[in-house]
Amino acid sequence: MSKIGRFLLGAIMGGLFATAIVILLTPAPGTQVRQQISNRIEGIRNDVKMAAENRRKELELELKQLQHPD
């Protein structure tokens, strides 16, 4: 595995570990924490979906321009 791959794996694992520790040590009730996490995940999912749709539109426009150079 390359150095970059090991670094990314370590960063991801560290992030997951830190998230688990924060969830375990948070003073808020579990249901509230789960709702906040759910809301954040939904927001990220919507952002990714919107970015993918925008990129798809850009690529389709670029493809049309390449197919029909007027």
PDB file of N, CA and C in Angstrom:
ATOM      1  N   MET A   1       0.855  -1.165   0.000  1.00  0.00           N
ATOM      2  CA  MET A   1       0.000   0.000   0.000  1.00  0.00           C
ATOM      3  C   MET A   1       0.908   1.237   0.000  1.00  0.00           C
ATOM      4  N   SER A   2       0.544   2.220  -0.759  1.00  0.00           N
ATOM      5  CA  SER A   2       1.358   3.428  -0.867  1.00  0.00           C
ATOM      6  C   SER A   2       1.260   4.272   0.405  1.00  0.00           C
ATOM      7  N   LYS A   3       2.159   5.230   0.522  1.00  0.00           N
ATOM      8  CA  LYS A   3       2.168   6.103   1.694  1.00  0.00           C
ATOM      9  C   LYS A   3       0.871   6.897   1.785  1.00  0.00           C
ATOM     10  N   ILE A   4       0.376   7.348   0.645  1.00  0.00           N
ATOM     11  CA  ILE A   4      -0.861   8.122   0.634  1.00  0.00           C
ATOM     12  C   ILE A   4      -2.035   7.251   1.085  1.00  0.00           C
ATOM     13  N   GLY A   5      -2.074   6.024   0.604  1.00  0.00           N
ATOM     14  CA  GLY A   5      -3.137   5.102   0.989  1.00  0.00           C
ATOM     15  C   GLY A   5      -3.118   4.817   2.480  1.00  0.00           C
ATOM     16  N   ARG A   6      -1.940   4.612   3.033  1.00  0.00           N
ATOM     17  CA  ARG A   6      -1.825   4.372   4.472  1.00  0.00           C
ATOM     18  C   ARG A   6      -2.239   5.605   5.258  1.00  0.00           C
ATOM     19  N   PHE A   7      -1.838   6.780   4.759  1.00  0.00           N
ATOM     20  CA  PHE A   7      -2.225   8.020   5.435  1.00  0.00           C
ATOM     21  C   PHE A   7      -3.736   8.178   5.443  1.00  0.00           C
ATOM     22  N   LEU A   8      -4.372   7.976   4.280  1.00  0.00           N
ATOM     23  CA  LEU A   8      -5.829   8.119   4.202  1.00  0.00           C
ATOM     24  C   LEU A   8      -6.541   7.116   5.100  1.00  0.00           C
ATOM     25  N   LEU A   9      -6.062   5.888   5.113  1.00  0.00           N
ATOM     26  CA  LEU A   9      -6.649   4.871   5.974  1.00  0.00           C
ATOM     27  C   LEU A   9      -6.525   5.284   7.439  1.00  0.00           C
ATOM     28  N   GLY A  10      -5.355   5.779   7.818  1.00  0.00           N
ATOM     29  CA  GLY A  10      -5.151   6.234   9.188  1.00  0.00           C
ATOM     30  C   GLY A  10      -6.032   7.415   9.537  1.00  0.00           C
ATOM     31  N   ALA A  11      -6.187   8.347   8.609  1.00  0.00           N
ATOM     32  CA  ALA A  11      -7.031   9.516   8.851  1.00  0.00           C
ATOM     33  C   ALA A  11      -8.491   9.101   9.023  1.00  0.00           C
ATOM     34  N   ILE A  12      -8.948   8.196   8.198  1.00  0.00           N
ATOM     35  CA  ILE A  12     -10.334   7.724   8.294  1.00  0.00           C
ATOM     36  C   ILE A  12     -10.553   6.978   9.601  1.00  0.00           C
ATOM     37  N   MET A  13      -9.634   6.093   9.926  1.00  0.00           N
ATOM     38  CA  MET A  13      -9.760   5.336  11.164  1.00  0.00           C
ATOM     39  C   MET A  13      -9.710   6.273  12.380  1.00  0.00           C
ATOM     40  N   GLY A  14      -8.834   7.261  12.352  1.00  0.00           N
ATOM     41  CA  GLY A  14      -8.754   8.224  13.441  1.00  0.00           C
ATOM     42  C   GLY A  14     -10.037   9.020  13.582  1.00  0.00           C
ATOM     43  N   GLY A  15     -10.616   9.411  12.446  1.00  0.00           N
ATOM     44  CA  GLY A  15     -11.879  10.140  12.471  1.00  0.00           C
ATOM     45  C   GLY A  15     -13.003   9.305  13.058  1.00  0.00           C
ATOM     46  N   LEU A  16     -13.063   8.040  12.673  1.00  0.00           N
ATOM     47  CA  LEU A  16     -14.100   7.159  13.214  1.00  0.00           C
ATOM     48  C   LEU A  16     -13.909   6.947  14.716  1.00  0.00           C
ATOM     49  N   PHE A  17     -12.672   6.771  15.131  1.00  0.00           N
ATOM     50  CA  PHE A  17     -12.376   6.591  16.548  1.00  0.00           C
ATOM     51  C   PHE A  17     -12.766   7.838  17.343  1.00  0.00           C
ATOM     52  N   ALA A  18     -12.392   9.002  16.831  1.00  0.00           N
ATOM     53  CA  ALA A  18     -12.724  10.256  17.508  1.00  0.00           C
ATOM     54  C   ALA A  18     -14.234  10.448  17.588  1.00  0.00           C
ATOM     55  N   THR A  19     -14.938  10.108  16.520  1.00  0.00           N
ATOM     56  CA  THR A  19     -16.398  10.220  16.516  1.00  0.00           C
ATOM     57  C   THR A  19     -17.014   9.328  17.585  1.00  0.00           C
ATOM     58  N   ALA A  20     -16.519   8.109  17.682  1.00  0.00           N
ATOM     59  CA  ALA A  20     -17.043   7.180  18.685  1.00  0.00           C
ATOM     60  C   ALA A  20     -16.806   7.710  20.099  1.00  0.00           C
ATOM     61  N   ILE A  21     -15.632   8.255  20.360  1.00  0.00           N
ATOM     62  CA  ILE A  21     -15.312   8.790  21.680  1.00  0.00           C
ATOM     63  C   ILE A  21     -16.224   9.974  22.011  1.00  0.00           C
ATOM     64  N   VAL A  22     -16.414  10.865  21.040  1.00  0.00           N
ATOM     65  CA  VAL A  22     -17.268  12.034  21.269  1.00  0.00           C
ATOM     66  C   VAL A  22     -18.698  11.600  21.562  1.00  0.00           C
ATOM     67  N   ILE A  23     -19.195  10.645  20.818  1.00  0.00           N
ATOM     68  CA  ILE A  23     -20.565  10.174  21.041  1.00  0.00           C
ATOM     69  C   ILE A  23     -20.703   9.555  22.432  1.00  0.00           C
ATOM     70  N   LEU A  24     -19.694   8.808  22.854  1.00  0.00           N
ATOM     71  CA  LEU A  24     -19.757   8.168  24.164  1.00  0.00           C
ATOM     72  C   LEU A  24     -19.657   9.174  25.312  1.00  0.00           C
ATOM     73  N   LEU A  25     -18.937  10.260  25.109  1.00  0.00           N
ATOM     74  CA  LEU A  25     -18.695  11.211  26.187  1.00  0.00           C
ATOM     75  C   LEU A  25     -19.586  12.448  26.153  1.00  0.00           C
ATOM     76  N   THR A  26     -20.460  12.533  25.200  1.00  0.00           N
ATOM     77  CA  THR A  26     -21.311  13.717  25.083  1.00  0.00           C
ATOM     78  C   THR A  26     -22.357  13.756  26.202  1.00  0.00           C
ATOM     79  N   PRO A  27     -22.642  14.953  26.723  1.00  0.00           N
ATOM     80  CA  PRO A  27     -23.623  15.053  27.798  1.00  0.00           C
ATOM     81  C   PRO A  27     -25.081  15.052  27.316  1.00  0.00           C
ATOM     82  N   ALA A  28     -25.304  15.156  26.017  1.00  0.00           N
ATOM     83  CA  ALA A  28     -26.665  15.187  25.476  1.00  0.00           C
ATOM     84  C   ALA A  28     -27.271  13.777  25.503  1.00  0.00           C
ATOM     85  N   PRO A  29     -28.600  13.691  25.566  1.00  0.00           N
ATOM     86  CA  PRO A  29     -29.259  12.381  25.524  1.00  0.00           C
ATOM     87  C   PRO A  29     -28.989  11.668  24.187  1.00  0.00           C
ATOM     88  N   GLY A  30     -29.002  10.358  24.232  1.00  0.00           N
ATOM     89  CA  GLY A  30     -28.702   9.555  23.048  1.00  0.00           C
ATOM     90  C   GLY A  30     -29.629   9.838  21.885  1.00  0.00           C
ATOM     91  N   THR A  31     -30.908  10.020  22.168  1.00  0.00           N
ATOM     92  CA  THR A  31     -31.855  10.263  21.071  1.00  0.00           C
ATOM     93  C   THR A  31     -31.552  11.592  20.384  1.00  0.00           C
ATOM     94  N   GLN A  32     -31.169  12.587  21.161  1.00  0.00           N
ATOM     95  CA  GLN A  32     -30.835  13.897  20.586  1.00  0.00           C
ATOM     96  C   GLN A  32     -29.575  13.800  19.736  1.00  0.00           C
ATOM     97  N   VAL A  33     -28.567  13.071  20.217  1.00  0.00           N
ATOM     98  CA  VAL A  33     -27.319  12.902  19.468  1.00  0.00           C
ATOM     99  C   VAL A  33     -27.589  12.160  18.164  1.00  0.00           C
ATOM    100  N   ARG A  34     -28.382  11.100  18.237  1.00  0.00           N
ATOM    101  CA  ARG A  34     -28.701  10.339  17.015  1.00  0.00           C
ATOM    102  C   ARG A  34     -29.446  11.210  16.006  1.00  0.00           C
ATOM    103  N   GLN A  35     -30.347  12.061  16.485  1.00  0.00           N
ATOM    104  CA  GLN A  35     -31.081  12.956  15.590  1.00  0.00           C
ATOM    105  C   GLN A  35     -30.137  13.962  14.937  1.00  0.00           C
ATOM    106  N   GLN A  36     -29.213  14.513  15.721  1.00  0.00           N
ATOM    107  CA  GLN A  36     -28.241  15.461  15.164  1.00  0.00           C
ATOM    108  C   GLN A  36     -27.366  14.789  14.113  1.00  0.00           C
ATOM    109  N   ILE A  37     -26.916  13.575  14.405  1.00  0.00           N
ATOM    110  CA  ILE A  37     -26.094  12.836  13.447  1.00  0.00           C
ATOM    111  C   ILE A  37     -26.895  12.558  12.190  1.00  0.00           C
ATOM    112  N   SER A  38     -28.138  12.142  12.372  1.00  0.00           N
ATOM    113  CA  SER A  38     -29.005  11.863  11.224  1.00  0.00           C
ATOM    114  C   SER A  38     -29.199  13.111  10.366  1.00  0.00           C
ATOM    115  N   ASN A  39     -29.413  14.250  11.009  1.00  0.00           N
ATOM    116  CA  ASN A  39     -29.596  15.503  10.273  1.00  0.00           C
ATOM    117  C   ASN A  39     -28.334  15.880   9.499  1.00  0.00           C
ATOM    118  N   ARG A  40     -27.187  15.711  10.124  1.00  0.00           N
ATOM    119  CA  ARG A  40     -25.928  16.032   9.445  1.00  0.00           C
ATOM    120  C   ARG A  40     -25.692  15.105   8.255  1.00  0.00           C
ATOM    121  N   ILE A  41     -25.954  13.824   8.447  1.00  0.00           N
ATOM    122  CA  ILE A  41     -25.778  12.863   7.351  1.00  0.00           C
ATOM    123  C   ILE A  41     -26.713  13.210   6.197  1.00  0.00           C
ATOM    124  N   GLU A  42     -27.953  13.547   6.512  1.00  0.00           N
ATOM    125  CA  GLU A  42     -28.921  13.919   5.467  1.00  0.00           C
ATOM    126  C   GLU A  42     -28.458  15.172   4.729  1.00  0.00           C
ATOM    127  N   GLY A  43     -27.926  16.152   5.467  1.00  0.00           N
ATOM    128  CA  GLY A  43     -27.412  17.365   4.832  1.00  0.00           C
ATOM    129  C   GLY A  43     -26.235  17.065   3.910  1.00  0.00           C
ATOM    130  N   ILE A  44     -25.325  16.219   4.365  1.00  0.00           N
ATOM    131  CA  ILE A  44     -24.173  15.836   3.538  1.00  0.00           C
ATOM    132  C   ILE A  44     -24.650  15.084   2.307  1.00  0.00           C
ATOM    133  N   ARG A  45     -25.595  14.174   2.497  1.00  0.00           N
ATOM    134  CA  ARG A  45     -26.135  13.396   1.374  1.00  0.00           C
ATOM    135  C   ARG A  45     -26.751  14.329   0.328  1.00  0.00           C
ATOM    136  N   ASN A  46     -27.512  15.320   0.782  1.00  0.00           N
ATOM    137  CA  ASN A  46     -28.125  16.276  -0.146  1.00  0.00           C
ATOM    138  C   ASN A  46     -27.072  17.109  -0.867  1.00  0.00           C
ATOM    139  N   ASP A  47     -26.028  17.525  -0.134  1.00  0.00           N
ATOM    140  CA  ASP A  47     -24.952  18.298  -0.756  1.00  0.00           C
ATOM    141  C   ASP A  47     -24.235  17.491  -1.838  1.00  0.00           C
ATOM    142  N   VAL A  48     -23.947  16.228  -1.539  1.00  0.00           N
ATOM    143  CA  VAL A  48     -23.269  15.365  -2.505  1.00  0.00           C
ATOM    144  C   VAL A  48     -24.160  15.132  -3.718  1.00  0.00           C
ATOM    145  N   LYS A  49     -25.442  14.900  -3.472  1.00  0.00           N
ATOM    146  CA  LYS A  49     -26.384  14.670  -4.570  1.00  0.00           C
ATOM    147  C   LYS A  49     -26.468  15.899  -5.475  1.00  0.00           C
ATOM    148  N   MET A  50     -26.544  17.082  -4.867  1.00  0.00           N
ATOM    149  CA  MET A  50     -26.619  18.312  -5.642  1.00  0.00           C
ATOM    150  C   MET A  50     -25.330  18.545  -6.439  1.00  0.00           C
ATOM    151  N   ALA A  51     -24.191  18.287  -5.824  1.00  0.00           N
ATOM    152  CA  ALA A  51     -22.917  18.459  -6.517  1.00  0.00           C
ATOM    153  C   ALA A  51     -22.813  17.493  -7.692  1.00  0.00           C
ATOM    154  N   ALA A  52     -23.270  16.261  -7.501  1.00  0.00           N
ATOM    155  CA  ALA A  52     -23.231  15.272  -8.581  1.00  0.00           C
ATOM    156  C   ALA A  52     -24.154  15.685  -9.730  1.00  0.00           C
ATOM    157  N   GLU A  53     -25.331  16.184  -9.406  1.00  0.00           N
ATOM    158  CA  GLU A  53     -26.258  16.630 -10.447  1.00  0.00           C
ATOM    159  C   GLU A  53     -25.680  17.816 -11.222  1.00  0.00           C
ATOM    160  N   ASN A  54     -25.078  18.757 -10.515  1.00  0.00           N
ATOM    161  CA  ASN A  54     -24.465  19.909 -11.180  1.00  0.00           C
ATOM    162  C   ASN A  54     -23.324  19.473 -12.083  1.00  0.00           C
ATOM    163  N   ARG A  55     -22.504  18.567 -11.600  1.00  0.00           N
ATOM    164  CA  ARG A  55     -21.374  18.083 -12.411  1.00  0.00           C
ATOM    165  C   ARG A  55     -21.876  17.340 -13.634  1.00  0.00           C
ATOM    166  N   ARG A  56     -22.944  16.550 -13.463  1.00  0.00           N
ATOM    167  CA  ARG A  56     -23.510  15.819 -14.585  1.00  0.00           C
ATOM    168  C   ARG A  56     -24.007  16.784 -15.661  1.00  0.00           C
ATOM    169  N   LYS A  57     -24.677  17.854 -15.238  1.00  0.00           N
ATOM    170  CA  LYS A  57     -25.161  18.847 -16.197  1.00  0.00           C
ATOM    171  C   LYS A  57     -23.998  19.507 -16.938  1.00  0.00           C
ATOM    172  N   GLU A  58     -22.939  19.825 -16.201  1.00  0.00           N
ATOM    173  CA  GLU A  58     -21.758  20.424 -16.827  1.00  0.00           C
ATOM    174  C   GLU A  58     -21.156  19.485 -17.867  1.00  0.00           C
ATOM    175  N   LEU A  59     -21.037  18.212 -17.511  1.00  0.00           N
ATOM    176  CA  LEU A  59     -20.454  17.242 -18.435  1.00  0.00           C
ATOM    177  C   LEU A  59     -21.342  17.013 -19.655  1.00  0.00           C
ATOM    178  N   GLU A  60     -22.659  16.993 -19.455  1.00  0.00           N
ATOM    179  CA  GLU A  60     -23.570  16.838 -20.588  1.00  0.00           C
ATOM    180  C   GLU A  60     -23.456  18.028 -21.539  1.00  0.00           C
ATOM    181  N   LEU A  61     -23.360  19.225 -20.997  1.00  0.00           N
ATOM    182  CA  LEU A  61     -23.198  20.418 -21.824  1.00  0.00           C
ATOM    183  C   LEU A  61     -21.873  20.362 -22.592  1.00  0.00           C
ATOM    184  N   GLU A  62     -20.829  19.953 -21.909  1.00  0.00           N
ATOM    185  CA  GLU A  62     -19.523  19.840 -22.563  1.00  0.00           C
ATOM    186  C   GLU A  62     -19.565  18.792 -23.669  1.00  0.00           C
ATOM    187  N   LEU A  63     -20.254  17.685 -23.428  1.00  0.00           N
ATOM    188  CA  LEU A  63     -20.378  16.641 -24.443  1.00  0.00           C
ATOM    189  C   LEU A  63     -21.136  17.157 -25.659  1.00  0.00           C
ATOM    190  N   LYS A  64     -22.218  17.901 -25.435  1.00  0.00           N
ATOM    191  CA  LYS A  64     -22.975  18.472 -26.558  1.00  0.00           C
ATOM    192  C   LYS A  64     -22.091  19.406 -27.372  1.00  0.00           C
ATOM    193  N   GLN A  65     -21.290  20.205 -26.679  1.00  0.00           N
ATOM    194  CA  GLN A  65     -20.412  21.146 -27.378  1.00  0.00           C
ATOM    195  C   GLN A  65     -19.359  20.411 -28.183  1.00  0.00           C
ATOM    196  N   LEU A  66     -18.880  19.299 -27.681  1.00  0.00           N
ATOM    197  CA  LEU A  66     -17.884  18.519 -28.419  1.00  0.00           C
ATOM    198  C   LEU A  66     -18.504  17.789 -29.605  1.00  0.00           C
ATOM    199  N   GLN A  67     -19.747  17.358 -29.471  1.00  0.00           N
ATOM    200  CA  GLN A  67     -20.417  16.624 -30.535  1.00  0.00           C
ATOM    201  C   GLN A  67     -20.866  17.564 -31.662  1.00  0.00           C
ATOM    202  N   HIS A  68     -21.253  18.773 -31.299  1.00  0.00           N
ATOM    203  CA  HIS A  68     -21.771  19.713 -32.287  1.00  0.00           C
ATOM    204  C   HIS A  68     -21.043  21.050 -32.147  1.00  0.00           C
ATOM    205  N   PRO A  69     -19.816  21.117 -32.594  1.00  0.00           N
ATOM    206  CA  PRO A  69     -19.089  22.406 -32.483  1.00  0.00           C
ATOM    207  C   PRO A  69     -19.608  23.411 -33.503  1.00  0.00           C
ATOM    208  N   ASP A  70     -20.419  24.325 -33.062  1.00  0.00           N
ATOM    209  CA  ASP A  70     -20.991  25.332 -33.977  1.00  0.00           C
ATOM    210  C   ASP A  70     -20.289  26.649 -33.845  1.00  0.00           C
TER     211      ASP A  70
END
